[in-house]
């Protein structure tokens, strides 16, 4: 009897995982390696769904940023209407991602955030230039610097909505450095990059 109940629980758990709707967010300022992390995660898991990257949509189609944004919104609305899991790469700047997260919550989605950090905007700009030299898409330097200066404020606005948050440093390859649970940033290991210390300070100020 117990064996039968155990099998039933396992089958139920597998069915729940299969039917769970997940909105995955891969976030960080331009140039931190969001698309690279998407590739790593895609190789490790099967629950990402389609991946939306507004910058890539603009670069591939020749759209303006506004046109690419409208295309992304149309795709997201379609995923919600069909109750499909999907992933979005985003800098978290502006209000659109926060609005999408709220909609996902209202529609019963589990929200998972992977955030990538670097210490300086100069490093982001350098990596974008390297990407362009290899045929990748460009981002205006003033946009990168503006988003970098407000990155933690943008992040703080969405943390409370997320069911799972993992932080990666990408100074020299992706290294998991922290998680955020129960409204607390929990450091993993001994490596503490400068940007993570700054994030800690930002969150502590907001909690005061």
C-alpha atoms as a PDB file:
ATOM      1  CA  UNK A   1       0.000   0.000   0.000  1.00  0.00           C
ATOM      2  CA  UNK A   2       2.757   2.423   0.986  1.00  0.00           C
ATOM      3  CA  UNK A   3       4.655   1.531  -2.160  1.00  0.00           C
ATOM      4  CA  UNK A   4       1.562   2.353  -4.223  1.00  0.00           C
ATOM      5  CA  UNK A   5       1.133   5.726  -2.492  1.00  0.00           C
ATOM      6  CA  UNK A   6       4.803   6.548  -3.074  1.00  0.00           C
ATOM      7  CA  UNK A   7       4.473   5.805  -6.794  1.00  0.00           C
ATOM      8  CA  UNK A   8       1.330   7.957  -6.956  1.00  0.00           C
ATOM      9  CA  UNK A   9       3.142  10.883  -5.322  1.00  0.00           C
ATOM     10  CA  UNK A  10       6.052  10.549  -7.763  1.00  0.00           C
ATOM     11  CA  UNK A  11       3.723  10.448 -10.755  1.00  0.00           C
ATOM     12  CA  UNK A  12       1.760  13.433  -9.432  1.00  0.00           C
ATOM     13  CA  UNK A  13       4.988  15.381  -8.873  1.00  0.00           C
ATOM     14  CA  UNK A  14       6.170  14.656 -12.424  1.00  0.00           C
ATOM     15  CA  UNK A  15       2.785  15.717 -13.815  1.00  0.00           C
ATOM     16  CA  UNK A  16       2.864  18.943 -11.785  1.00  0.00           C
ATOM     17  CA  UNK A  17       6.339  19.807 -13.101  1.00  0.00           C
ATOM     18  CA  UNK A  18       5.235  19.110 -16.664  1.00  0.00           C
ATOM     19  CA  UNK A  19       2.105  21.259 -16.401  1.00  0.00           C
ATOM     20  CA  UNK A  20       3.617  24.098 -14.351  1.00  0.00           C
ATOM     21  CA  UNK A  21       3.648  27.435 -16.137  1.00  0.00           C
ATOM     22  CA  UNK A  22       6.994  29.186 -15.692  1.00  0.00           C
ATOM     23  CA  UNK A  23       7.995  32.713 -16.615  1.00  0.00           C
ATOM     24  CA  UNK A  24      11.795  32.756 -16.619  1.00  0.00           C
ATOM     25  CA  UNK A  25      13.637  36.080 -16.584  1.00  0.00           C
ATOM     26  CA  UNK A  26      17.298  36.323 -17.551  1.00  0.00           C
ATOM     27  CA  UNK A  27      18.324  39.793 -16.475  1.00  0.00           C
ATOM     28  CA  UNK A  28      21.258  42.170 -16.296  1.00  0.00           C
ATOM     29  CA  UNK A  29      22.479  45.269 -18.073  1.00  0.00           C
ATOM     30  CA  UNK A  30      23.567  45.083 -21.699  1.00  0.00           C
ATOM     31  CA  UNK A  31      26.759  43.146 -22.294  1.00  0.00           C
ATOM     32  CA  UNK A  32      26.737  40.973 -19.162  1.00  0.00           C
ATOM     33  CA  UNK A  33      26.084  37.733 -21.063  1.00  0.00           C
ATOM     34  CA  UNK A  34      22.325  37.153 -20.945  1.00  0.00           C
ATOM     35  CA  UNK A  35      22.213  35.289 -24.255  1.00  0.00           C
ATOM     36  CA  UNK A  36      25.220  33.188 -23.256  1.00  0.00           C
ATOM     37  CA  UNK A  37      23.512  32.184 -20.007  1.00  0.00           C
ATOM     38  CA  UNK A  38      20.348  31.400 -21.973  1.00  0.00           C
ATOM     39  CA  UNK A  39      22.408  28.947 -24.016  1.00  0.00           C
ATOM     40  CA  UNK A  40      23.837  27.333 -20.902  1.00  0.00           C
ATOM     41  CA  UNK A  41      20.412  26.981 -19.289  1.00  0.00           C
ATOM     42  CA  UNK A  42      18.867  25.693 -22.523  1.00  0.00           C
ATOM     43  CA  UNK A  43      21.389  22.850 -22.516  1.00  0.00           C
ATOM     44  CA  UNK A  44      20.610  21.995 -18.887  1.00  0.00           C
ATOM     45  CA  UNK A  45      16.818  22.175 -18.729  1.00  0.00           C
ATOM     46  CA  UNK A  46      13.678  21.719 -20.779  1.00  0.00           C
ATOM     47  CA  UNK A  47      11.310  24.196 -19.099  1.00  0.00           C
ATOM     48  CA  UNK A  48      12.441  27.509 -20.622  1.00  0.00           C
ATOM     49  CA  UNK A  49       9.993  27.588 -23.529  1.00  0.00           C
ATOM     50  CA  UNK A  50      10.638  30.181 -26.239  1.00  0.00           C
ATOM     51  CA  UNK A  51      13.218  32.863 -25.406  1.00  0.00           C
ATOM     52  CA  UNK A  52      12.374  36.508 -26.105  1.00  0.00           C
ATOM     53  CA  UNK A  53      15.180  39.044 -26.585  1.00  0.00           C
ATOM     54  CA  UNK A  54      14.002  42.468 -27.761  1.00  0.00           C
ATOM     55  CA  UNK A  55      17.490  43.594 -28.809  1.00  0.00           C
ATOM     56  CA  UNK A  56      17.931  40.473 -30.916  1.00  0.00           C
ATOM     57  CA  UNK A  57      14.494  40.926 -32.487  1.00  0.00           C
ATOM     58  CA  UNK A  58      15.496  44.458 -33.500  1.00  0.00           C
ATOM     59  CA  UNK A  59      18.871  43.337 -34.857  1.00  0.00           C
ATOM     60  CA  UNK A  60      17.519  40.344 -36.806  1.00  0.00           C
ATOM     61  CA  UNK A  61      14.521  42.120 -38.318  1.00  0.00           C
ATOM     62  CA  UNK A  62      15.845  45.645 -38.766  1.00  0.00           C
ATOM     63  CA  UNK A  63      13.089  46.936 -36.486  1.00  0.00           C
ATOM     64  CA  UNK A  64      13.418  50.027 -34.375  1.00  0.00           C
ATOM     65  CA  UNK A  65      13.519  49.515 -30.607  1.00  0.00           C
ATOM     66  CA  UNK A  66       9.845  50.476 -30.404  1.00  0.00           C
ATOM     67  CA  UNK A  67       8.845  48.034 -33.159  1.00  0.00           C
ATOM     68  CA  UNK A  68      10.873  45.232 -31.563  1.00  0.00           C
ATOM     69  CA  UNK A  69       9.257  45.985 -28.209  1.00  0.00           C
ATOM     70  CA  UNK A  70       5.776  45.720 -29.729  1.00  0.00           C
ATOM     71  CA  UNK A  71       6.719  42.396 -31.331  1.00  0.00           C
ATOM     72  CA  UNK A  72       7.940  41.083 -27.976  1.00  0.00           C
ATOM     73  CA  UNK A  73       4.741  42.205 -26.223  1.00  0.00           C
ATOM     74  CA  UNK A  74       2.642  40.460 -28.874  1.00  0.00           C
ATOM     75  CA  UNK A  75       4.567  37.219 -28.336  1.00  0.00           C
ATOM     76  CA  UNK A  76       4.239  37.464 -24.548  1.00  0.00           C
ATOM     77  CA  UNK A  77       0.489  38.027 -24.796  1.00  0.00           C
ATOM     78  CA  UNK A  78       0.254  34.934 -26.998  1.00  0.00           C
ATOM     79  CA  UNK A  79       2.134  32.805 -24.452  1.00  0.00           C
ATOM     80  CA  UNK A  80      -0.158  34.001 -21.667  1.00  0.00           C
ATOM     81  CA  UNK A  81      -3.274  33.242 -23.723  1.00  0.00           C
ATOM     82  CA  UNK A  82      -2.011  29.704 -24.376  1.00  0.00           C
ATOM     83  CA  UNK A  83      -0.684  29.159 -20.816  1.00  0.00           C
ATOM     84  CA  UNK A  84       2.801  28.426 -22.147  1.00  0.00           C
ATOM     85  CA  UNK A  85       6.087  28.720 -20.300  1.00  0.00           C
ATOM     86  CA  UNK A  86       8.501  31.239 -21.799  1.00  0.00           C
ATOM     87  CA  UNK A  87      11.729  33.080 -21.079  1.00  0.00           C
ATOM     88  CA  UNK A  88      12.589  36.743 -21.476  1.00  0.00           C
ATOM     89  CA  UNK A  89      16.010  38.360 -21.639  1.00  0.00           C
ATOM     90  CA  UNK A  90      15.789  41.874 -20.220  1.00  0.00           C
ATOM     91  CA  UNK A  91      17.739  44.712 -18.635  1.00  0.00           C
ATOM     92  CA  UNK A  92      14.724  45.314 -16.334  1.00  0.00           C
ATOM     93  CA  UNK A  93      14.803  49.010 -17.293  1.00  0.00           C
ATOM     94  CA  UNK A  94      11.447  50.722 -17.716  1.00  0.00           C
ATOM     95  CA  UNK A  95       8.115  49.425 -16.468  1.00  0.00           C
ATOM     96  CA  UNK A  96       7.318  46.744 -19.032  1.00  0.00           C
ATOM     97  CA  UNK A  97       8.979  43.770 -17.290  1.00  0.00           C
ATOM     98  CA  UNK A  98       7.379  44.640 -13.965  1.00  0.00           C
ATOM     99  CA  UNK A  99       3.985  44.758 -15.703  1.00  0.00           C
ATOM    100  CA  UNK A 100       4.655  41.383 -17.352  1.00  0.00           C
ATOM    101  CA  UNK A 101       5.617  39.869 -13.996  1.00  0.00           C
ATOM    102  CA  UNK A 102       2.386  41.086 -12.402  1.00  0.00           C
ATOM    103  CA  UNK A 103       0.384  39.612 -15.280  1.00  0.00           C
ATOM    104  CA  UNK A 104       2.250  36.319 -14.926  1.00  0.00           C
ATOM    105  CA  UNK A 105       1.426  36.211 -11.209  1.00  0.00           C
ATOM    106  CA  UNK A 106      -2.232  36.916 -11.880  1.00  0.00           C
ATOM    107  CA  UNK A 107      -2.270  34.047 -14.396  1.00  0.00           C
ATOM    108  CA  UNK A 108      -0.766  31.503 -12.013  1.00  0.00           C
ATOM    109  CA  UNK A 109       2.778  31.419 -13.354  1.00  0.00           C
ATOM    110  CA  UNK A 110       5.812  30.528 -11.278  1.00  0.00           C
ATOM    111  CA  UNK A 111       8.401  33.280 -11.734  1.00  0.00           C
ATOM    112  CA  UNK A 112      12.084  32.476 -11.880  1.00  0.00           C
ATOM    113  CA  UNK A 113      14.821  35.100 -12.177  1.00  0.00           C
ATOM    114  CA  UNK A 114      18.458  34.610 -13.143  1.00  0.00           C
ATOM    115  CA  UNK A 115      20.436  37.825 -12.682  1.00  0.00           C
ATOM    116  CA  UNK A 116      23.935  38.436 -14.073  1.00  0.00           C
ATOM    117  CA  UNK A 117      26.252  41.097 -12.690  1.00  0.00           C
ATOM    118  CA  UNK A 118      29.489  42.866 -13.616  1.00  0.00           C
ATOM    119  CA  UNK A 119      31.417  45.424 -11.587  1.00  0.00           C
ATOM    120  CA  UNK A 120      31.631  48.266 -14.114  1.00  0.00           C
ATOM    121  CA  UNK A 121      29.759  49.739 -17.061  1.00  0.00           C
ATOM    122  CA  UNK A 122      33.112  49.981 -18.864  1.00  0.00           C
ATOM    123  CA  UNK A 123      33.313  46.193 -18.883  1.00  0.00           C
ATOM    124  CA  UNK A 124      29.790  45.985 -20.342  1.00  0.00           C
ATOM    125  CA  UNK A 125      30.673  48.493 -23.079  1.00  0.00           C
ATOM    126  CA  UNK A 126      33.881  46.595 -23.856  1.00  0.00           C
ATOM    127  CA  UNK A 127      32.017  43.317 -24.248  1.00  0.00           C
ATOM    128  CA  UNK A 128      29.398  44.906 -26.494  1.00  0.00           C
ATOM    129  CA  UNK A 129      32.174  46.254 -28.758  1.00  0.00           C
ATOM    130  CA  UNK A 130      33.682  42.768 -28.938  1.00  0.00           C
ATOM    131  CA  UNK A 131      30.259  41.388 -29.845  1.00  0.00           C
ATOM    132  CA  UNK A 132      29.798  43.938 -32.619  1.00  0.00           C
ATOM    133  CA  UNK A 133      33.231  43.097 -34.067  1.00  0.00           C
ATOM    134  CA  UNK A 134      32.028  39.505 -34.337  1.00  0.00           C
ATOM    135  CA  UNK A 135      28.834  40.531 -36.130  1.00  0.00           C
ATOM    136  CA  UNK A 136      26.551  40.877 -33.100  1.00  0.00           C
ATOM    137  CA  UNK A 137      24.127  43.683 -32.311  1.00  0.00           C
ATOM    138  CA  UNK A 138      25.196  47.025 -30.873  1.00  0.00           C
ATOM    139  CA  UNK A 139      23.765  49.083 -27.990  1.00  0.00           C
ATOM    140  CA  UNK A 140      24.344  52.816 -27.561  1.00  0.00           C
ATOM    141  CA  UNK A 141      26.906  53.528 -24.856  1.00  0.00           C
ATOM    142  CA  UNK A 142      24.741  56.163 -23.162  1.00  0.00           C
ATOM    143  CA  UNK A 143      21.896  53.621 -22.909  1.00  0.00           C
ATOM    144  CA  UNK A 144      24.252  51.091 -21.315  1.00  0.00           C
ATOM    145  CA  UNK A 145      25.542  53.624 -18.787  1.00  0.00           C
ATOM    146  CA  UNK A 146      22.038  54.846 -17.940  1.00  0.00           C
ATOM    147  CA  UNK A 147      20.763  51.321 -17.344  1.00  0.00           C
ATOM    148  CA  UNK A 148      23.879  50.450 -15.343  1.00  0.00           C
ATOM    149  CA  UNK A 149      23.408  53.410 -13.005  1.00  0.00           C
ATOM    150  CA  UNK A 150      19.827  52.364 -12.135  1.00  0.00           C
ATOM    151  CA  UNK A 151      20.218  48.573 -12.376  1.00  0.00           C
ATOM    152  CA  UNK A 152      19.698  47.760  -8.703  1.00  0.00           C
ATOM    153  CA  UNK A 153      16.686  50.034  -8.344  1.00  0.00           C
ATOM    154  CA  UNK A 154      15.124  48.253 -11.334  1.00  0.00           C
ATOM    155  CA  UNK A 155      15.965  44.863  -9.833  1.00  0.00           C
ATOM    156  CA  UNK A 156      14.569  45.737  -6.406  1.00  0.00           C
ATOM    157  CA  UNK A 157      11.165  46.513  -7.936  1.00  0.00           C
ATOM    158  CA  UNK A 158      10.667  42.930  -9.150  1.00  0.00           C
ATOM    159  CA  UNK A 159      12.347  40.751  -6.507  1.00  0.00           C
ATOM    160  CA  UNK A 160       9.243  40.439  -4.332  1.00  0.00           C
ATOM    161  CA  UNK A 161       7.274  38.889  -7.218  1.00  0.00           C
ATOM    162  CA  UNK A 162       9.816  36.153  -7.900  1.00  0.00           C
ATOM    163  CA  UNK A 163       9.518  32.610  -6.561  1.00  0.00           C
ATOM    164  CA  UNK A 164      13.158  31.787  -7.275  1.00  0.00           C
ATOM    165  CA  UNK A 165      16.123  34.154  -7.758  1.00  0.00           C
ATOM    166  CA  UNK A 166      19.703  33.162  -8.563  1.00  0.00           C
ATOM    167  CA  UNK A 167      22.585  35.602  -9.002  1.00  0.00           C
ATOM    168  CA  UNK A 168      25.603  35.014 -11.235  1.00  0.00           C
ATOM    169  CA  UNK A 169      28.842  36.919 -11.574  1.00  0.00           C
ATOM    170  CA  UNK A 170      30.293  36.847 -15.090  1.00  0.00           C
ATOM    171  CA  UNK A 171      33.701  38.434 -14.594  1.00  0.00           C
ATOM    172  CA  UNK A 172      35.359  35.249 -15.819  1.00  0.00           C
ATOM    173  CA  UNK A 173      32.629  32.757 -16.642  1.00  0.00           C
ATOM    174  CA  UNK A 174      29.330  32.280 -14.866  1.00  0.00           C
ATOM    175  CA  UNK A 175      29.701  31.749 -11.121  1.00  0.00           C
ATOM    176  CA  UNK A 176      26.665  31.459  -8.860  1.00  0.00           C
ATOM    177  CA  UNK A 177      27.253  33.926  -6.028  1.00  0.00           C
ATOM    178  CA  UNK A 178      23.913  34.348  -4.238  1.00  0.00           C
ATOM    179  CA  UNK A 179      20.232  33.548  -4.009  1.00  0.00           C
ATOM    180  CA  UNK A 180      17.290  35.608  -2.816  1.00  0.00           C
ATOM    181  CA  UNK A 181      14.764  33.884  -0.569  1.00  0.00           C
ATOM    182  CA  UNK A 182      12.296  35.122   2.040  1.00  0.00           C
ATOM    183  CA  UNK A 183      13.203  38.735   1.192  1.00  0.00           C
ATOM    184  CA  UNK A 184      16.836  38.048   2.081  1.00  0.00           C
ATOM    185  CA  UNK A 185      19.947  38.005  -0.102  1.00  0.00           C
ATOM    186  CA  UNK A 186      21.940  34.899   0.814  1.00  0.00           C
ATOM    187  CA  UNK A 187      25.568  34.834  -0.301  1.00  0.00           C
ATOM    188  CA  UNK A 188      26.917  31.550  -1.657  1.00  0.00           C
ATOM    189  CA  UNK A 189      30.573  30.742  -1.037  1.00  0.00           C
ATOM    190  CA  UNK A 190      33.450  33.097  -0.268  1.00  0.00           C
ATOM    191  CA  UNK A 191      33.573  35.031  -3.547  1.00  0.00           C
ATOM    192  CA  UNK A 192      31.956  38.457  -3.125  1.00  0.00           C
ATOM    193  CA  UNK A 193      32.199  40.672  -6.231  1.00  0.00           C
ATOM    194  CA  UNK A 194      31.949  44.435  -5.845  1.00  0.00           C
ATOM    195  CA  UNK A 195      28.547  44.636  -7.556  1.00  0.00           C
ATOM    196  CA  UNK A 196      27.044  42.102  -5.126  1.00  0.00           C
ATOM    197  CA  UNK A 197      28.203  44.176  -2.142  1.00  0.00           C
ATOM    198  CA  UNK A 198      26.573  47.229  -3.754  1.00  0.00           C
ATOM    199  CA  UNK A 199      23.365  45.268  -4.279  1.00  0.00           C
ATOM    200  CA  UNK A 200      23.368  44.215  -0.617  1.00  0.00           C
ATOM    201  CA  UNK A 201      23.674  47.853   0.444  1.00  0.00           C
ATOM    202  CA  UNK A 202      20.856  48.921  -1.900  1.00  0.00           C
ATOM    203  CA  UNK A 203      18.480  46.269  -0.576  1.00  0.00           C
ATOM    204  CA  UNK A 204      19.344  47.016   3.039  1.00  0.00           C
ATOM    205  CA  UNK A 205      18.566  50.712   2.533  1.00  0.00           C
ATOM    206  CA  UNK A 206      15.200  49.864   1.014  1.00  0.00           C
ATOM    207  CA  UNK A 207      14.331  47.666   4.006  1.00  0.00           C
ATOM    208  CA  UNK A 208      15.055  50.435   6.536  1.00  0.00           C
END
